[in-house]
Amino acid sequence: MNKRVKTGIYLSIVIGLLIFGGIFAYLTFFAKSDDSFLAPGRNWNSPKKVEDYFVERMGVDPMEVSAIRSTSGPQGTVNLRINDKTTLDALIGNLHYYGFIRDEKSFRYALEHTKDIGSGDKVIVVDKNRAIDANAEYGISEDMDAWQIADILLNRPSGHFAFDEYGYFFMP
């Protein structure tokens, strides 16, 4: 076999591997099922619900929690409180654990691809162009999809606080 044929075979193998690797990377990291971005809803199967947080961490009576959630703001919102000690991984993990997002990787993708119109002084960095205000509250709900929650976290705090006396992550 001459040198040109061998080079052609090697080049074909390398190109084939690159194509295969590209397809694998796309399917693994970039192609997200539309379902993974959907709002989970209150009936989504998650390890805990925000109601559990209110009972276990805050000592709220379970009957009172039900009443609070049935009359909570638009779309059944709760206040997510992010202080300056919160990390991005902890935030995403808690949102998933308590049933506010379906998939952590999809939510991170939504955060990385949602426009950020500005940030405060203390922030949780998502990437070089996006940050979430710390020492802030955000109204979120299980009925919001990943894109809506990402937009709220990047752009729409419902308020800021200077001091977090109790360190609660969720408030009714």
N, C-alpha and C. Protein backbone atom coordinates (compact mmCIF):
# COMPACT_ATOMS: atom_id res chain seq x y z
N MET A 1 0.85 -1.16 0.00
CA MET A 1 0.00 0.00 0.00
C MET A 1 0.90 1.23 0.00
N ASN A 2 0.58 2.18 -0.85
CA ASN A 2 1.45 3.34 -0.91
C ASN A 2 1.11 4.35 0.20
N LYS A 3 2.00 5.31 0.35
CA LYS A 3 1.92 6.28 1.44
C LYS A 3 0.65 7.13 1.35
N ARG A 4 0.22 7.48 0.16
CA ARG A 4 -0.99 8.29 -0.03
C ARG A 4 -2.24 7.55 0.45
N VAL A 5 -2.33 6.29 0.18
CA VAL A 5 -3.49 5.50 0.58
C VAL A 5 -3.53 5.40 2.10
N LYS A 6 -2.37 5.12 2.72
CA LYS A 6 -2.31 5.04 4.18
C LYS A 6 -2.73 6.37 4.82
N THR A 7 -2.21 7.47 4.29
CA THR A 7 -2.56 8.79 4.81
C THR A 7 -4.06 9.03 4.66
N GLY A 8 -4.61 8.66 3.53
CA GLY A 8 -6.06 8.81 3.29
C GLY A 8 -6.88 7.99 4.27
N ILE A 9 -6.44 6.78 4.57
CA ILE A 9 -7.16 5.93 5.51
C ILE A 9 -7.10 6.54 6.91
N TYR A 10 -5.91 6.96 7.33
CA TYR A 10 -5.77 7.58 8.65
C TYR A 10 -6.60 8.86 8.76
N LEU A 11 -6.57 9.65 7.73
CA LEU A 11 -7.35 10.89 7.72
C LEU A 11 -8.84 10.58 7.80
N SER A 12 -9.30 9.57 7.09
CA SER A 12 -10.71 9.17 7.13
C SER A 12 -11.10 8.71 8.53
N ILE A 13 -10.23 7.96 9.19
CA ILE A 13 -10.51 7.48 10.54
C ILE A 13 -10.60 8.66 11.51
N VAL A 14 -9.66 9.61 11.40
CA VAL A 14 -9.66 10.79 12.28
C VAL A 14 -10.92 11.61 12.06
N ILE A 15 -11.28 11.84 10.82
CA ILE A 15 -12.49 12.62 10.52
C ILE A 15 -13.72 11.90 11.05
N GLY A 16 -13.77 10.59 10.87
CA GLY A 16 -14.90 9.80 11.38
C GLY A 16 -15.01 9.90 12.89
N LEU A 17 -13.86 9.82 13.59
CA LEU A 17 -13.87 9.93 15.04
C LEU A 17 -14.31 11.33 15.49
N LEU A 18 -13.86 12.34 14.79
CA LEU A 18 -14.27 13.71 15.12
C LEU A 18 -15.77 13.90 14.92
N ILE A 19 -16.30 13.37 13.85
CA ILE A 19 -17.74 13.47 13.59
C ILE A 19 -18.51 12.72 14.68
N PHE A 20 -18.08 11.50 14.99
CA PHE A 20 -18.73 10.71 16.02
C PHE A 20 -18.65 11.43 17.36
N GLY A 21 -17.48 11.97 17.70
CA GLY A 21 -17.30 12.69 18.96
C GLY A 21 -18.18 13.93 19.02
N GLY A 22 -18.30 14.62 17.90
CA GLY A 22 -19.16 15.80 17.85
C GLY A 22 -20.62 15.46 18.07
N ILE A 23 -21.06 14.40 17.43
CA ILE A 23 -22.45 13.97 17.61
C ILE A 23 -22.69 13.54 19.06
N PHE A 24 -21.75 12.79 19.61
CA PHE A 24 -21.87 12.36 21.00
C PHE A 24 -21.93 13.56 21.94
N ALA A 25 -21.03 14.53 21.75
CA ALA A 25 -21.01 15.72 22.60
C ALA A 25 -22.32 16.50 22.48
N TYR A 26 -22.82 16.64 21.27
CA TYR A 26 -24.08 17.36 21.06
C TYR A 26 -25.22 16.68 21.79
N LEU A 27 -25.33 15.38 21.63
CA LEU A 27 -26.42 14.64 22.27
C LEU A 27 -26.28 14.63 23.79
N THR A 28 -25.06 14.61 24.27
CA THR A 28 -24.83 14.54 25.71
C THR A 28 -25.00 15.90 26.39
N PHE A 29 -24.45 16.94 25.79
CA PHE A 29 -24.38 18.22 26.49
C PHE A 29 -25.31 19.30 25.96
N PHE A 30 -25.65 19.27 24.69
CA PHE A 30 -26.38 20.39 24.12
C PHE A 30 -27.81 20.09 23.76
N ALA A 31 -28.11 18.89 23.33
CA ALA A 31 -29.47 18.56 22.94
C ALA A 31 -30.27 18.25 24.20
N LYS A 32 -31.07 19.17 24.60
CA LYS A 32 -31.88 18.99 25.80
C LYS A 32 -33.32 18.74 25.38
N SER A 33 -33.92 17.75 25.99
CA SER A 33 -35.32 17.49 25.76
C SER A 33 -36.11 18.70 26.21
N ASP A 34 -37.09 19.09 25.43
CA ASP A 34 -37.92 20.22 25.81
C ASP A 34 -38.59 19.98 27.16
N ASP A 35 -38.86 18.73 27.50
CA ASP A 35 -39.49 18.41 28.77
C ASP A 35 -38.64 18.82 29.97
N SER A 36 -37.33 18.80 29.83
CA SER A 36 -36.47 19.12 30.97
C SER A 36 -36.52 20.60 31.34
N PHE A 37 -37.07 21.44 30.48
CA PHE A 37 -37.20 22.87 30.75
C PHE A 37 -38.60 23.24 31.25
N LEU A 38 -39.55 22.32 31.14
CA LEU A 38 -40.93 22.61 31.51
C LEU A 38 -41.08 22.84 33.00
N ALA A 39 -42.16 23.53 33.36
CA ALA A 39 -42.48 23.72 34.77
C ALA A 39 -42.83 22.36 35.37
N PRO A 40 -42.24 22.05 36.52
CA PRO A 40 -42.55 20.75 37.12
C PRO A 40 -43.96 20.66 37.69
N GLY A 41 -44.51 21.77 38.17
CA GLY A 41 -45.81 21.74 38.82
C GLY A 41 -45.67 21.20 40.24
N ARG A 42 -46.68 21.43 41.04
CA ARG A 42 -46.62 21.02 42.45
C ARG A 42 -46.63 19.51 42.62
N ASN A 43 -47.11 18.78 41.65
CA ASN A 43 -47.19 17.32 41.78
C ASN A 43 -45.94 16.61 41.26
N TRP A 44 -44.93 17.35 40.84
CA TRP A 44 -43.69 16.76 40.35
C TRP A 44 -43.05 15.94 41.45
N ASN A 45 -42.55 14.77 41.10
CA ASN A 45 -41.94 13.88 42.07
C ASN A 45 -40.52 14.36 42.39
N SER A 46 -40.35 15.00 43.53
CA SER A 46 -39.04 15.47 43.99
C SER A 46 -38.82 14.96 45.41
N PRO A 47 -37.56 14.88 45.85
CA PRO A 47 -37.29 14.35 47.19
C PRO A 47 -38.07 15.08 48.30
N LYS A 48 -38.17 16.38 48.20
CA LYS A 48 -38.90 17.18 49.18
C LYS A 48 -39.67 18.26 48.44
N LYS A 49 -40.63 18.83 49.13
CA LYS A 49 -41.39 19.96 48.63
C LYS A 49 -41.10 21.16 49.52
N VAL A 50 -41.38 22.34 49.01
CA VAL A 50 -41.13 23.54 49.79
C VAL A 50 -41.97 23.53 51.07
N GLU A 51 -43.13 22.87 51.04
CA GLU A 51 -43.94 22.74 52.25
C GLU A 51 -43.16 21.99 53.33
N ASP A 52 -42.40 20.96 52.93
CA ASP A 52 -41.56 20.22 53.88
C ASP A 52 -40.52 21.16 54.49
N TYR A 53 -39.96 22.04 53.68
CA TYR A 53 -38.98 23.00 54.17
C TYR A 53 -39.60 23.87 55.26
N PHE A 54 -40.81 24.38 55.00
CA PHE A 54 -41.47 25.26 55.97
C PHE A 54 -41.72 24.53 57.29
N VAL A 55 -42.11 23.27 57.22
CA VAL A 55 -42.38 22.50 58.43
C VAL A 55 -41.09 22.13 59.15
N GLU A 56 -40.12 21.56 58.41
CA GLU A 56 -38.90 21.03 59.01
C GLU A 56 -37.92 22.12 59.45
N ARG A 57 -37.74 23.14 58.65
CA ARG A 57 -36.73 24.15 58.94
C ARG A 57 -37.27 25.34 59.73
N MET A 58 -38.55 25.66 59.49
CA MET A 58 -39.11 26.86 60.10
C MET A 58 -40.08 26.55 61.23
N GLY A 59 -40.46 25.29 61.36
CA GLY A 59 -41.38 24.90 62.42
C GLY A 59 -42.81 25.34 62.21
N VAL A 60 -43.20 25.59 60.96
CA VAL A 60 -44.56 26.01 60.67
C VAL A 60 -45.47 24.78 60.74
N ASP A 61 -46.66 24.96 61.32
CA ASP A 61 -47.64 23.88 61.42
C ASP A 61 -48.06 23.43 60.01
N PRO A 62 -48.11 22.10 59.76
CA PRO A 62 -48.47 21.60 58.42
C PRO A 62 -49.80 22.14 57.89
N MET A 63 -50.79 22.30 58.75
CA MET A 63 -52.08 22.84 58.31
C MET A 63 -51.94 24.30 57.88
N GLU A 64 -51.10 25.03 58.60
CA GLU A 64 -50.87 26.43 58.25
C GLU A 64 -50.14 26.53 56.91
N VAL A 65 -49.21 25.60 56.67
CA VAL A 65 -48.48 25.59 55.40
C VAL A 65 -49.45 25.39 54.24
N SER A 66 -50.38 24.47 54.39
CA SER A 66 -51.36 24.23 53.33
C SER A 66 -52.17 25.49 53.06
N ALA A 67 -52.57 26.17 54.11
CA ALA A 67 -53.35 27.40 53.95
C ALA A 67 -52.51 28.48 53.27
N ILE A 68 -51.25 28.59 53.68
CA ILE A 68 -50.36 29.59 53.09
C ILE A 68 -50.18 29.33 51.59
N ARG A 69 -49.90 28.09 51.24
CA ARG A 69 -49.66 27.76 49.83
C ARG A 69 -50.91 27.92 48.98
N SER A 70 -52.08 27.67 49.54
CA SER A 70 -53.30 27.78 48.74
C SER A 70 -53.66 29.24 48.45
N THR A 71 -53.14 30.16 49.26
CA THR A 71 -53.45 31.58 49.05
C THR A 71 -52.22 32.40 48.65
N SER A 72 -51.10 31.71 48.34
CA SER A 72 -49.88 32.45 48.01
C SER A 72 -50.03 33.19 46.70
N GLY A 73 -49.17 34.15 46.48
CA GLY A 73 -49.22 35.09 45.36
C GLY A 73 -49.47 34.50 43.99
N PRO A 74 -49.23 35.30 42.96
CA PRO A 74 -49.48 34.84 41.60
C PRO A 74 -48.68 33.57 41.30
N GLN A 75 -49.33 32.64 40.67
CA GLN A 75 -48.75 31.35 40.32
C GLN A 75 -48.29 30.57 41.55
N GLY A 76 -48.85 30.85 42.72
CA GLY A 76 -48.47 30.12 43.93
C GLY A 76 -47.02 30.34 44.32
N THR A 77 -46.57 31.57 44.25
CA THR A 77 -45.15 31.85 44.50
C THR A 77 -44.77 31.76 45.96
N VAL A 78 -43.52 31.45 46.18
CA VAL A 78 -42.87 31.53 47.49
C VAL A 78 -41.66 32.44 47.29
N ASN A 79 -41.15 32.95 48.38
CA ASN A 79 -39.96 33.80 48.30
C ASN A 79 -38.73 32.93 48.45
N LEU A 80 -37.88 33.00 47.46
CA LEU A 80 -36.56 32.37 47.49
C LEU A 80 -35.60 33.46 47.96
N ARG A 81 -34.90 33.19 49.04
CA ARG A 81 -33.97 34.18 49.60
C ARG A 81 -32.54 33.71 49.36
N ILE A 82 -31.79 34.53 48.67
CA ILE A 82 -30.41 34.19 48.36
C ILE A 82 -29.51 35.16 49.10
N ASN A 83 -28.68 34.61 50.00
CA ASN A 83 -27.75 35.49 50.71
C ASN A 83 -26.37 35.40 50.06
N ASP A 84 -25.44 36.16 50.57
CA ASP A 84 -24.12 36.25 49.94
C ASP A 84 -23.25 35.01 50.17
N LYS A 85 -23.74 34.05 50.94
CA LYS A 85 -23.00 32.79 51.15
C LYS A 85 -23.50 31.67 50.23
N THR A 86 -24.57 31.92 49.49
CA THR A 86 -25.15 30.92 48.59
C THR A 86 -24.25 30.75 47.37
N THR A 87 -24.01 29.49 47.01
CA THR A 87 -23.25 29.22 45.78
C THR A 87 -24.22 28.87 44.66
N LEU A 88 -23.76 28.97 43.44
CA LEU A 88 -24.59 28.62 42.29
C LEU A 88 -25.00 27.15 42.35
N ASP A 89 -24.05 26.28 42.68
CA ASP A 89 -24.36 24.85 42.76
C ASP A 89 -25.40 24.56 43.84
N ALA A 90 -25.29 25.21 45.00
CA ALA A 90 -26.26 25.02 46.07
C ALA A 90 -27.63 25.52 45.66
N LEU A 91 -27.68 26.67 45.00
CA LEU A 91 -28.94 27.23 44.53
C LEU A 91 -29.63 26.26 43.57
N ILE A 92 -28.90 25.81 42.56
CA ILE A 92 -29.47 24.90 41.57
C ILE A 92 -29.88 23.59 42.22
N GLY A 93 -29.03 23.06 43.10
CA GLY A 93 -29.34 21.81 43.79
C GLY A 93 -30.61 21.91 44.63
N ASN A 94 -30.77 23.01 45.35
CA ASN A 94 -31.97 23.20 46.17
C ASN A 94 -33.22 23.39 45.32
N LEU A 95 -33.11 24.11 44.24
CA LEU A 95 -34.27 24.28 43.35
C LEU A 95 -34.72 22.92 42.80
N HIS A 96 -33.77 22.07 42.49
CA HIS A 96 -34.12 20.73 42.00
C HIS A 96 -34.66 19.86 43.13
N TYR A 97 -34.01 19.86 44.27
CA TYR A 97 -34.39 19.03 45.41
C TYR A 97 -35.81 19.33 45.88
N TYR A 98 -36.19 20.61 45.87
CA TYR A 98 -37.50 21.01 46.34
C TYR A 98 -38.54 21.11 45.22
N GLY A 99 -38.21 20.66 44.02
CA GLY A 99 -39.20 20.52 42.95
C GLY A 99 -39.53 21.78 42.18
N PHE A 100 -38.62 22.75 42.14
CA PHE A 100 -38.88 23.96 41.35
C PHE A 100 -38.36 23.83 39.92
N ILE A 101 -37.39 22.96 39.70
CA ILE A 101 -36.88 22.69 38.35
C ILE A 101 -36.81 21.18 38.14
N ARG A 102 -36.93 20.76 36.90
CA ARG A 102 -36.91 19.33 36.59
C ARG A 102 -35.50 18.77 36.47
N ASP A 103 -34.57 19.57 35.93
CA ASP A 103 -33.25 19.05 35.60
C ASP A 103 -32.20 20.12 35.87
N GLU A 104 -31.18 19.78 36.63
CA GLU A 104 -30.15 20.75 37.01
C GLU A 104 -29.35 21.24 35.80
N LYS A 105 -28.96 20.34 34.91
CA LYS A 105 -28.17 20.75 33.74
C LYS A 105 -28.99 21.65 32.81
N SER A 106 -30.24 21.31 32.63
CA SER A 106 -31.10 22.15 31.78
C SER A 106 -31.29 23.52 32.39
N PHE A 107 -31.45 23.59 33.70
CA PHE A 107 -31.61 24.88 34.35
C PHE A 107 -30.34 25.71 34.24
N ARG A 108 -29.20 25.08 34.43
CA ARG A 108 -27.93 25.80 34.27
C ARG A 108 -27.82 26.35 32.84
N TYR A 109 -28.24 25.54 31.86
CA TYR A 109 -28.25 25.98 30.46
C TYR A 109 -29.16 27.20 30.31
N ALA A 110 -30.35 27.16 30.93
CA ALA A 110 -31.27 28.29 30.85
C ALA A 110 -30.64 29.54 31.46
N LEU A 111 -29.98 29.39 32.60
CA LEU A 111 -29.30 30.54 33.21
C LEU A 111 -28.22 31.11 32.30
N GLU A 112 -27.48 30.22 31.65
CA GLU A 112 -26.37 30.65 30.79
C GLU A 112 -26.85 31.24 29.46
N HIS A 113 -28.12 31.07 29.13
CA HIS A 113 -28.63 31.54 27.85
C HIS A 113 -29.82 32.50 28.00
N THR A 114 -29.97 33.08 29.19
CA THR A 114 -30.99 34.09 29.43
C THR A 114 -30.29 35.43 29.59
N LYS A 115 -30.84 36.45 28.96
CA LYS A 115 -30.25 37.78 29.02
C LYS A 115 -30.29 38.31 30.45
N ASP A 116 -29.20 38.91 30.88
CA ASP A 116 -29.08 39.54 32.19
C ASP A 116 -29.01 41.04 31.96
N ILE A 117 -29.96 41.79 32.53
CA ILE A 117 -29.99 43.23 32.27
C ILE A 117 -29.21 44.04 33.31
N GLY A 118 -28.59 43.40 34.28
CA GLY A 118 -27.79 44.11 35.26
C GLY A 118 -27.82 43.42 36.60
N SER A 119 -26.86 43.75 37.43
CA SER A 119 -26.75 43.10 38.73
C SER A 119 -26.38 44.10 39.81
N GLY A 120 -26.57 43.68 41.05
CA GLY A 120 -26.21 44.50 42.19
C GLY A 120 -24.75 44.34 42.57
N ASP A 121 -24.42 44.76 43.78
CA ASP A 121 -23.05 44.71 44.25
C ASP A 121 -22.59 43.31 44.59
N LYS A 122 -23.40 42.58 45.34
CA LYS A 122 -23.05 41.22 45.74
C LYS A 122 -23.80 40.26 44.84
N VAL A 123 -23.07 39.40 44.17
CA VAL A 123 -23.70 38.54 43.18
C VAL A 123 -23.18 37.11 43.24
N ILE A 124 -23.97 36.22 42.68
CA ILE A 124 -23.56 34.85 42.42
C ILE A 124 -23.29 34.79 40.92
N VAL A 125 -22.07 34.53 40.54
CA VAL A 125 -21.69 34.57 39.14
C VAL A 125 -22.16 33.30 38.43
N VAL A 126 -22.87 33.49 37.32
CA VAL A 126 -23.28 32.38 36.46
C VAL A 126 -22.22 32.17 35.39
N ASP A 127 -21.86 33.25 34.71
CA ASP A 127 -20.76 33.28 33.75
C ASP A 127 -20.31 34.73 33.62
N LYS A 128 -19.42 35.02 32.69
CA LYS A 128 -18.87 36.37 32.62
C LYS A 128 -19.90 37.44 32.28
N ASN A 129 -21.04 37.05 31.71
CA ASN A 129 -22.07 38.02 31.33
C ASN A 129 -23.33 37.95 32.18
N ARG A 130 -23.38 37.05 33.15
CA ARG A 130 -24.60 36.85 33.91
C ARG A 130 -24.30 36.64 35.39
N ALA A 131 -25.13 37.26 36.23
CA ALA A 131 -24.97 37.11 37.68
C ALA A 131 -26.32 37.29 38.35
N ILE A 132 -26.49 36.60 39.46
CA ILE A 132 -27.71 36.67 40.25
C ILE A 132 -27.41 37.52 41.48
N ASP A 133 -28.28 38.49 41.75
CA ASP A 133 -28.10 39.33 42.94
C ASP A 133 -28.18 38.49 44.20
N ALA A 134 -27.23 38.69 45.08
CA ALA A 134 -27.28 38.08 46.41
C ALA A 134 -27.93 39.06 47.37
N ASN A 135 -28.27 38.59 48.56
CA ASN A 135 -29.01 39.39 49.54
C ASN A 135 -30.29 39.94 48.91
N ALA A 136 -30.97 39.04 48.20
CA ALA A 136 -32.18 39.42 47.49
C ALA A 136 -33.22 38.30 47.60
N GLU A 137 -34.47 38.69 47.39
CA GLU A 137 -35.59 37.75 47.37
C GLU A 137 -36.15 37.68 45.96
N TYR A 138 -36.66 36.50 45.64
CA TYR A 138 -37.24 36.26 44.32
C TYR A 138 -38.52 35.46 44.48
N GLY A 139 -39.60 35.88 43.83
CA GLY A 139 -40.85 35.15 43.86
C GLY A 139 -40.85 34.08 42.78
N ILE A 140 -40.81 32.80 43.19
CA ILE A 140 -40.79 31.70 42.23
C ILE A 140 -41.88 30.70 42.55
N SER A 141 -42.18 29.85 41.58
CA SER A 141 -43.22 28.85 41.74
C SER A 141 -42.88 27.59 40.96
N GLU A 142 -43.43 26.47 41.40
CA GLU A 142 -43.27 25.21 40.68
C GLU A 142 -43.99 25.24 39.34
N ASP A 143 -44.85 26.24 39.14
CA ASP A 143 -45.59 26.37 37.88
C ASP A 143 -44.86 27.23 36.86
N MET A 144 -43.65 27.64 37.17
CA MET A 144 -42.81 28.39 36.24
C MET A 144 -41.82 27.44 35.60
N ASP A 145 -41.54 27.66 34.31
CA ASP A 145 -40.56 26.79 33.66
C ASP A 145 -39.14 27.30 33.94
N ALA A 146 -38.16 26.53 33.50
CA ALA A 146 -36.75 26.87 33.77
C ALA A 146 -36.39 28.25 33.24
N TRP A 147 -36.92 28.61 32.08
CA TRP A 147 -36.61 29.91 31.47
C TRP A 147 -37.20 31.06 32.29
N GLN A 148 -38.40 30.88 32.82
CA GLN A 148 -39.02 31.92 33.63
C GLN A 148 -38.24 32.12 34.94
N ILE A 149 -37.88 31.03 35.58
CA ILE A 149 -37.13 31.14 36.84
C ILE A 149 -35.75 31.75 36.58
N ALA A 150 -35.10 31.35 35.49
CA ALA A 150 -33.79 31.94 35.15
C ALA A 150 -33.93 33.45 34.95
N ASP A 151 -34.97 33.88 34.24
CA ASP A 151 -35.17 35.31 34.01
C ASP A 151 -35.42 36.05 35.32
N ILE A 152 -36.21 35.46 36.20
CA ILE A 152 -36.48 36.10 37.49
C ILE A 152 -35.18 36.23 38.29
N LEU A 153 -34.38 35.16 38.34
CA LEU A 153 -33.15 35.21 39.13
C LEU A 153 -32.13 36.19 38.55
N LEU A 154 -32.08 36.31 37.27
CA LEU A 154 -31.10 37.21 36.65
C LEU A 154 -31.56 38.66 36.61
N ASN A 155 -32.89 38.89 36.59
CA ASN A 155 -33.38 40.23 36.29
C ASN A 155 -34.45 40.80 37.20
N ARG A 156 -35.10 39.99 38.00
CA ARG A 156 -36.29 40.48 38.68
C ARG A 156 -36.36 40.14 40.18
N PRO A 157 -35.40 40.62 40.96
CA PRO A 157 -35.55 40.40 42.40
C PRO A 157 -36.78 41.18 42.88
N SER A 158 -37.50 40.59 43.82
CA SER A 158 -38.67 41.29 44.36
C SER A 158 -38.27 42.21 45.51
N GLY A 159 -37.05 42.08 45.98
CA GLY A 159 -36.55 42.95 47.04
C GLY A 159 -35.14 42.56 47.44
N HIS A 160 -34.49 43.44 48.16
CA HIS A 160 -33.14 43.20 48.67
C HIS A 160 -33.16 43.35 50.18
N PHE A 161 -32.22 42.72 50.85
CA PHE A 161 -32.10 42.86 52.30
C PHE A 161 -30.64 43.04 52.66
N ALA A 162 -30.40 43.80 53.73
CA ALA A 162 -29.03 44.07 54.17
C ALA A 162 -28.53 43.00 55.12
N PHE A 163 -29.46 42.43 55.89
CA PHE A 163 -29.06 41.48 56.92
C PHE A 163 -30.06 40.33 56.92
N ASP A 164 -29.56 39.11 56.95
CA ASP A 164 -30.40 37.91 56.95
C ASP A 164 -30.30 37.25 58.31
N GLU A 165 -31.21 37.61 59.20
CA GLU A 165 -31.15 37.16 60.60
C GLU A 165 -31.27 35.64 60.74
N TYR A 166 -32.12 35.00 59.94
CA TYR A 166 -32.40 33.59 60.14
C TYR A 166 -31.73 32.67 59.12
N GLY A 167 -31.40 33.17 57.97
CA GLY A 167 -30.74 32.35 56.95
C GLY A 167 -31.66 31.36 56.26
N TYR A 168 -32.96 31.64 56.21
CA TYR A 168 -33.87 30.73 55.53
C TYR A 168 -33.72 30.87 54.02
N PHE A 169 -33.83 29.75 53.34
CA PHE A 169 -33.71 29.73 51.88
C PHE A 169 -35.05 30.04 51.22
N PHE A 170 -36.11 29.51 51.80
CA PHE A 170 -37.46 29.78 51.30
C PHE A 170 -38.27 30.44 52.40
N MET A 171 -39.17 31.33 51.99
CA MET A 171 -40.10 31.95 52.93
C MET A 171 -41.48 31.88 52.29
N PRO A 172 -42.52 31.67 53.15
CA PRO A 172 -43.87 31.63 52.58
C PRO A 172 -44.30 33.00 52.08
